[in-house]
């Protein structure tokens, strides 16, 4: 891991400072970055060697590697990430691994980096790339699940706090939950985006979308109900009652607390909603403005 960290750091600096004017920009810059991202993902997932013991001994190699990767990520425009399919898959999968349930508590970053991750996630969900959308949903689910669990658990873990403090003053970084907690507006915007896609579009990734939506809804239940009411009122008068009944099936059948059972029931309710819409050939009107 230490060896990988040193190579990784050198590579990051090389690619960040690269001003190649080659006509094949993907081959000369983004393809190597995609390859490196795949290697990092496999390292995080423990496919090469288990490095969990490093956190026990407060080894800085992991944090250095993560930090360098995030610097590299920030240097790549979101449009480029989403335009190149292989790059998109590699970058998003690596970030998803960094934000996994077993790893996210060791992560801390500055707000600009987290904001870029959130913006990329939103753009990926809106894109036609279903794989990118599904991975982005996983990232959102992981981040906001971590925020909820951190909020619900008031007892700190001394061991983790020693190795990974809540705030890194030297580099002006914080744990992810500390950055997200004051930005309810972003959670609301993500909720509206995903909810609108689920209710109004016909996409094959409803299950992935529903997982992220449920977690956001636990945090933003009032906004979920408010958005539901707005969508119903945006429909033609003759179909409002029918749409209300369909959406009510989602809301009334859900307990908004973060458990796997509740999340599964919510996903099942979404599936049933989509079946009813298709069976009854209901054409929903997309709202012309945001609330």
Protein backbone atom coordinates (compact mmCIF):
# COMPACT_ATOMS: atom_id res chain seq x y z
CA UNK A 1 0.00 0.00 0.00
CA UNK A 2 2.87 2.38 0.80
CA UNK A 3 4.48 1.55 -2.53
CA UNK A 4 1.18 2.13 -4.32
CA UNK A 5 0.75 5.44 -2.49
CA UNK A 6 4.12 6.74 -3.71
CA UNK A 7 3.49 5.73 -7.32
CA UNK A 8 -0.04 7.09 -7.13
CA UNK A 9 1.14 10.47 -5.84
CA UNK A 10 3.68 10.85 -8.62
CA UNK A 11 1.12 9.87 -11.24
CA UNK A 12 -1.47 12.29 -9.88
CA UNK A 13 0.90 15.22 -10.06
CA UNK A 14 1.95 14.25 -13.58
CA UNK A 15 -1.61 14.02 -14.87
CA UNK A 16 -2.86 17.10 -13.05
CA UNK A 17 -0.09 19.18 -14.57
CA UNK A 18 -0.42 17.61 -18.02
CA UNK A 19 -1.17 20.12 -20.77
CA UNK A 20 -0.99 17.67 -23.64
CA UNK A 21 -2.42 19.01 -26.89
CA UNK A 22 -2.65 15.56 -28.44
CA UNK A 23 -5.69 15.01 -30.62
CA UNK A 24 -6.34 11.79 -28.71
CA UNK A 25 -6.94 13.39 -25.33
CA UNK A 26 -8.67 10.32 -23.94
CA UNK A 27 -5.79 7.99 -24.77
CA UNK A 28 -3.11 10.28 -23.38
CA UNK A 29 -4.80 11.48 -20.21
CA UNK A 30 -8.16 9.97 -19.35
CA UNK A 31 -7.45 6.33 -20.20
CA UNK A 32 -4.51 6.16 -17.73
CA UNK A 33 -6.67 7.88 -15.11
CA UNK A 34 -9.41 5.31 -15.68
CA UNK A 35 -6.89 2.50 -15.25
CA UNK A 36 -5.57 4.02 -12.04
CA UNK A 37 -9.11 4.45 -10.74
CA UNK A 38 -9.81 0.77 -11.34
CA UNK A 39 -6.68 -0.19 -9.41
CA UNK A 40 -7.68 2.06 -6.51
CA UNK A 41 -11.19 0.58 -6.46
CA UNK A 42 -9.76 -2.93 -6.24
CA UNK A 43 -7.42 -1.84 -3.45
CA UNK A 44 -10.32 -0.34 -1.50
CA UNK A 45 -12.37 -3.49 -1.96
CA UNK A 46 -9.50 -5.58 -0.61
CA UNK A 47 -9.01 -7.59 -3.78
CA UNK A 48 -5.24 -7.32 -3.57
CA UNK A 49 -4.53 -7.24 0.14
CA UNK A 50 -6.44 -6.42 3.31
CA UNK A 51 -5.22 -3.11 4.71
CA UNK A 52 -7.79 -2.50 7.44
CA UNK A 53 -5.08 -2.85 10.08
CA UNK A 54 -3.52 0.41 8.86
CA UNK A 55 -6.30 2.42 10.47
CA UNK A 56 -5.63 0.77 13.82
CA UNK A 57 -2.03 1.97 13.75
CA UNK A 58 -2.93 5.39 12.39
CA UNK A 59 -0.99 4.78 9.18
CA UNK A 60 -1.32 7.80 6.88
CA UNK A 61 -0.82 5.89 3.62
CA UNK A 62 -4.53 5.35 3.05
CA UNK A 63 -5.46 8.95 3.72
CA UNK A 64 -2.66 10.17 1.44
CA UNK A 65 -3.83 7.90 -1.37
CA UNK A 66 -7.45 8.93 -0.97
CA UNK A 67 -6.50 12.60 -0.86
CA UNK A 68 -4.40 12.37 -4.02
CA UNK A 69 -7.14 10.54 -5.89
CA UNK A 70 -9.68 13.21 -4.93
CA UNK A 71 -7.30 15.93 -6.16
CA UNK A 72 -7.07 14.11 -9.46
CA UNK A 73 -10.85 13.75 -9.58
CA UNK A 74 -11.39 17.46 -8.95
CA UNK A 75 -9.10 18.31 -11.89
CA UNK A 76 -11.36 16.47 -14.38
CA UNK A 77 -14.43 18.33 -15.70
CA UNK A 78 -17.70 16.57 -14.96
CA UNK A 79 -18.60 16.72 -18.65
CA UNK A 80 -15.47 14.76 -19.56
CA UNK A 81 -16.21 12.14 -16.91
CA UNK A 82 -19.72 11.58 -18.26
CA UNK A 83 -18.78 11.84 -21.94
CA UNK A 84 -16.26 8.98 -21.79
CA UNK A 85 -18.06 5.79 -20.79
CA UNK A 86 -15.02 3.91 -19.49
CA UNK A 87 -13.76 6.94 -17.57
CA UNK A 88 -17.22 7.45 -16.10
CA UNK A 89 -17.43 3.84 -14.97
CA UNK A 90 -13.96 3.90 -13.40
CA UNK A 91 -14.24 7.27 -11.65
CA UNK A 92 -17.75 6.73 -10.30
CA UNK A 93 -16.99 3.17 -9.16
CA UNK A 94 -13.89 4.36 -7.31
CA UNK A 95 -15.76 7.16 -5.55
CA UNK A 96 -18.58 4.75 -4.72
CA UNK A 97 -15.98 2.46 -3.13
CA UNK A 98 -14.52 5.35 -1.15
CA UNK A 99 -18.02 6.12 0.13
CA UNK A 100 -18.96 2.52 0.89
CA UNK A 101 -20.41 1.68 4.29
CA UNK A 102 -17.13 0.10 5.41
CA UNK A 103 -14.97 3.00 4.27
CA UNK A 104 -16.90 6.26 4.52
CA UNK A 105 -16.21 6.79 8.23
CA UNK A 106 -12.50 7.10 7.37
CA UNK A 107 -13.12 9.72 4.71
CA UNK A 108 -12.84 13.46 5.12
CA UNK A 109 -12.56 16.14 2.48
CA UNK A 110 -13.08 19.83 1.82
CA UNK A 111 -16.42 21.24 0.75
CA UNK A 112 -15.39 21.92 -2.87
CA UNK A 113 -14.56 18.25 -3.39
CA UNK A 114 -17.81 17.04 -1.85
CA UNK A 115 -19.78 19.59 -3.84
CA UNK A 116 -18.22 18.28 -7.06
CA UNK A 117 -19.18 14.72 -6.08
CA UNK A 118 -22.77 15.82 -5.43
CA UNK A 119 -22.97 17.79 -8.68
CA UNK A 120 -21.55 14.86 -10.66
CA UNK A 121 -24.04 12.53 -9.00
CA UNK A 122 -26.95 14.77 -9.96
CA UNK A 123 -25.72 15.06 -13.55
CA UNK A 124 -25.19 11.30 -13.82
CA UNK A 125 -28.72 10.61 -12.59
CA UNK A 126 -30.14 12.95 -15.22
CA UNK A 127 -28.02 11.42 -17.99
CA UNK A 128 -28.90 8.62 -20.38
CA UNK A 129 -26.09 6.48 -18.93
CA UNK A 130 -28.02 4.06 -16.73
CA UNK A 131 -24.89 2.50 -15.23
CA UNK A 132 -23.58 5.93 -14.23
CA UNK A 133 -26.97 6.81 -12.77
CA UNK A 134 -27.12 3.61 -10.72
CA UNK A 135 -23.63 4.21 -9.31
CA UNK A 136 -24.47 7.83 -8.51
CA UNK A 137 -27.57 6.65 -6.64
CA UNK A 138 -25.40 4.30 -4.60
CA UNK A 139 -23.08 7.19 -3.74
CA UNK A 140 -25.98 9.37 -2.60
CA UNK A 141 -27.48 6.51 -0.62
CA UNK A 142 -24.16 5.88 1.14
CA UNK A 143 -23.46 9.53 1.96
CA UNK A 144 -26.87 10.35 3.37
CA UNK A 145 -27.19 7.02 5.17
CA UNK A 146 -23.92 7.90 6.89
CA UNK A 147 -25.30 11.32 7.79
CA UNK A 148 -28.45 9.79 9.30
CA UNK A 149 -26.54 7.12 11.22
CA UNK A 150 -24.07 9.69 12.53
CA UNK A 151 -26.93 11.90 13.67
CA UNK A 152 -28.71 9.00 15.38
CA UNK A 153 -25.58 7.75 17.09
CA UNK A 154 -24.39 10.25 19.68
CA UNK A 155 -21.70 7.97 21.13
CA UNK A 156 -18.33 8.55 19.44
CA UNK A 157 -15.98 5.71 18.63
CA UNK A 158 -12.78 6.64 20.48
CA UNK A 159 -10.58 4.45 18.31
CA UNK A 160 -11.79 6.01 15.08
CA UNK A 161 -11.66 9.52 16.50
CA UNK A 162 -8.02 9.10 17.45
CA UNK A 163 -7.01 7.93 14.00
CA UNK A 164 -9.40 10.08 11.98
CA UNK A 165 -10.53 13.27 13.76
CA UNK A 166 -13.82 14.90 12.79
CA UNK A 167 -11.99 17.95 11.47
CA UNK A 168 -8.55 18.19 9.92
CA UNK A 169 -7.68 21.80 10.66
CA UNK A 170 -4.30 21.66 8.95
CA UNK A 171 -5.90 20.95 5.58
CA UNK A 172 -9.36 22.42 6.26
CA UNK A 173 -11.21 19.14 5.78
CA UNK A 174 -14.12 17.55 7.61
CA UNK A 175 -15.95 14.27 7.81
CA UNK A 176 -18.64 13.96 5.15
CA UNK A 177 -21.52 14.08 7.62
CA UNK A 178 -20.16 17.33 9.04
CA UNK A 179 -20.20 18.90 5.59
CA UNK A 180 -23.65 17.62 4.61
CA UNK A 181 -25.52 18.41 7.80
CA UNK A 182 -25.89 22.14 7.10
CA UNK A 183 -26.83 21.75 3.43
CA UNK A 184 -30.41 20.58 3.50
CA UNK A 185 -31.00 22.51 0.27
CA UNK A 186 -28.80 20.07 -1.64
CA UNK A 187 -30.60 17.05 -0.19
CA UNK A 188 -33.90 18.66 -1.18
CA UNK A 189 -32.77 19.29 -4.76
CA UNK A 190 -31.53 15.71 -5.11
CA UNK A 191 -34.80 14.41 -3.69
CA UNK A 192 -36.84 16.46 -6.19
CA UNK A 193 -34.65 15.34 -9.10
CA UNK A 194 -34.86 11.64 -8.29
CA UNK A 195 -38.53 11.71 -7.30
CA UNK A 196 -39.52 13.44 -10.55
CA UNK A 197 -37.62 10.86 -12.61
CA UNK A 198 -39.27 7.97 -10.77
CA UNK A 199 -42.80 9.36 -10.99
CA UNK A 200 -42.70 10.93 -14.44
CA UNK A 201 -40.13 9.02 -16.53
CA UNK A 202 -39.91 5.44 -17.71
CA UNK A 203 -36.41 4.22 -16.87
CA UNK A 204 -34.93 0.78 -16.21
CA UNK A 205 -33.09 1.87 -13.05
CA UNK A 206 -36.07 2.61 -10.81
CA UNK A 207 -34.76 0.23 -8.15
CA UNK A 208 -31.44 2.10 -7.83
CA UNK A 209 -33.24 5.43 -7.86
CA UNK A 210 -35.65 4.27 -5.16
CA UNK A 211 -32.81 3.34 -2.79
CA UNK A 212 -31.31 6.82 -2.91
CA UNK A 213 -34.75 8.44 -2.78
CA UNK A 214 -35.73 6.57 0.36
CA UNK A 215 -32.64 7.68 2.25
CA UNK A 216 -33.17 11.29 1.19
CA UNK A 217 -36.84 10.98 2.19
CA UNK A 218 -35.90 9.91 5.71
CA UNK A 219 -34.12 13.26 6.01
CA UNK A 220 -36.60 15.26 3.95
CA UNK A 221 -40.00 13.68 4.58
CA UNK A 222 -41.85 17.01 4.54
CA UNK A 223 -40.30 17.93 1.20
CA UNK A 224 -41.27 14.53 -0.21
CA UNK A 225 -44.92 15.11 0.71
CA UNK A 226 -44.76 18.70 -0.53
CA UNK A 227 -43.36 17.57 -3.87
CA UNK A 228 -45.99 14.85 -4.13
CA UNK A 229 -48.76 17.40 -3.64
CA UNK A 230 -47.20 19.70 -6.24
CA UNK A 231 -46.95 16.93 -8.84
CA UNK A 232 -50.58 15.91 -8.27
CA UNK A 233 -51.76 19.52 -8.69
CA UNK A 234 -49.71 19.80 -11.90
CA UNK A 235 -51.80 17.08 -13.55
CA UNK A 236 -54.97 17.77 -15.59
CA UNK A 237 -57.99 18.09 -13.25
CA UNK A 238 -59.62 14.91 -14.56
CA UNK A 239 -56.61 12.76 -13.62
CA UNK A 240 -55.55 14.38 -10.34
CA UNK A 241 -57.56 12.03 -8.13
CA UNK A 242 -56.16 8.93 -9.84
CA UNK A 243 -52.57 10.19 -9.59
CA UNK A 244 -53.16 11.13 -5.96
CA UNK A 245 -54.27 7.58 -5.15
CA UNK A 246 -51.23 6.09 -6.89
CA UNK A 247 -48.74 8.35 -5.11
CA UNK A 248 -50.53 7.82 -1.81
CA UNK A 249 -49.78 4.13 -2.18
CA UNK A 250 -46.09 5.00 -1.95
CA UNK A 251 -46.36 7.44 0.93
CA UNK A 252 -48.88 5.65 3.14
CA UNK A 253 -47.14 2.30 2.84
CA UNK A 254 -43.76 3.61 3.99
CA UNK A 255 -42.25 4.01 7.44
CA UNK A 256 -39.60 6.69 7.13
CA UNK A 257 -36.85 5.32 9.35
CA UNK A 258 -33.58 4.01 7.98
CA UNK A 259 -33.83 0.22 8.03
CA UNK A 260 -33.29 -2.26 5.23
CA UNK A 261 -36.83 -3.58 5.65
CA UNK A 262 -38.34 -0.11 5.26
CA UNK A 263 -36.15 0.62 2.27
CA UNK A 264 -37.20 -2.64 0.60
CA UNK A 265 -40.88 -1.88 1.19
CA UNK A 266 -40.40 1.57 -0.30
CA UNK A 267 -38.75 0.09 -3.41
CA UNK A 268 -41.62 -2.40 -3.71
CA UNK A 269 -44.11 0.48 -3.50
CA UNK A 270 -42.29 2.27 -6.30
CA UNK A 271 -42.42 -0.89 -8.42
CA UNK A 272 -46.16 -1.21 -7.80
CA UNK A 273 -46.68 2.44 -8.70
CA UNK A 274 -44.88 1.97 -12.02
CA UNK A 275 -46.95 -1.13 -12.81
CA UNK A 276 -50.18 0.75 -12.16
CA UNK A 277 -49.10 3.65 -14.36
CA UNK A 278 -48.26 1.31 -17.25
CA UNK A 279 -51.31 -0.91 -16.82
CA UNK A 280 -53.71 2.03 -16.79
CA UNK A 281 -51.80 3.88 -19.52
CA UNK A 282 -51.55 7.00 -17.39
CA UNK A 283 -49.79 9.93 -19.06
CA UNK A 284 -48.33 12.21 -16.42
CA UNK A 285 -47.70 15.88 -17.00
CA UNK A 286 -44.24 17.16 -16.11
CA UNK A 287 -44.44 20.28 -13.89
CA UNK A 288 -43.40 23.42 -15.75
CA UNK A 289 -41.68 24.98 -12.75
CA UNK A 290 -40.02 24.08 -9.48
CA UNK A 291 -41.63 24.71 -6.10
